[in-house]
Amino acid sequence: MGYYLTGKAPADVIAGVLGSITVAEVLSQPIAVRDTSTVYDTIVTMFVEDVGTIIVVSEGGFLEGVASRKDMLKAAMAGKNINKLPVSVSMTRMPNIIVTYPEEPVLRAAQKLLSHQVDALPVVSTVAAAEGEKLQVVGRFTKTNITRLFVQLAGK
């Protein structure tokens, strides 16, 4: 029949599979803008790339912040000139950004998405710098990555 008794609950089996897959195996390319970009440019990038979250980086690709649709809507409704307003004024900054790491299990990263109610997490690696450790952006982990993984696993 193709079935066998493992003695495990279905949730335990799923947790085991998702616990063995790392973020590095399913991450997407980061969609990012420089910290010098304007709110207008960030909104345009969101629409062109069809994403709800933009990662904001400094020169060298180091994490500076995250700009969500909500952040950009608030900035646009503030009555300021969004063509001149830097995204750094409206973005969410560290330490208020939840990140994930390439070696982290997918299950843990998915739990972060849910518990913090965000659409995407920057995938970062820690890099030593003169001013201390910095987080270099190497990808992004989204709800779409999780959905794609479930479809792939179901197709096996």
Foldseek 3Di string as FASTA:
>chain_A
DPDDDDVDDPVVVVCVVLQVDFCLVQFAAAAEDEQQAFLVVVVVSCVVVVHQKHFYAHPVQFGFFMAGVVLSVCVVPPPDDRRRHGVSVRTGGPPVADAAERGGGNVVVVVVCVVVVHFKHFYWDWDQDPVGITTHGDGMDGPVSVVVVVVVVVVD
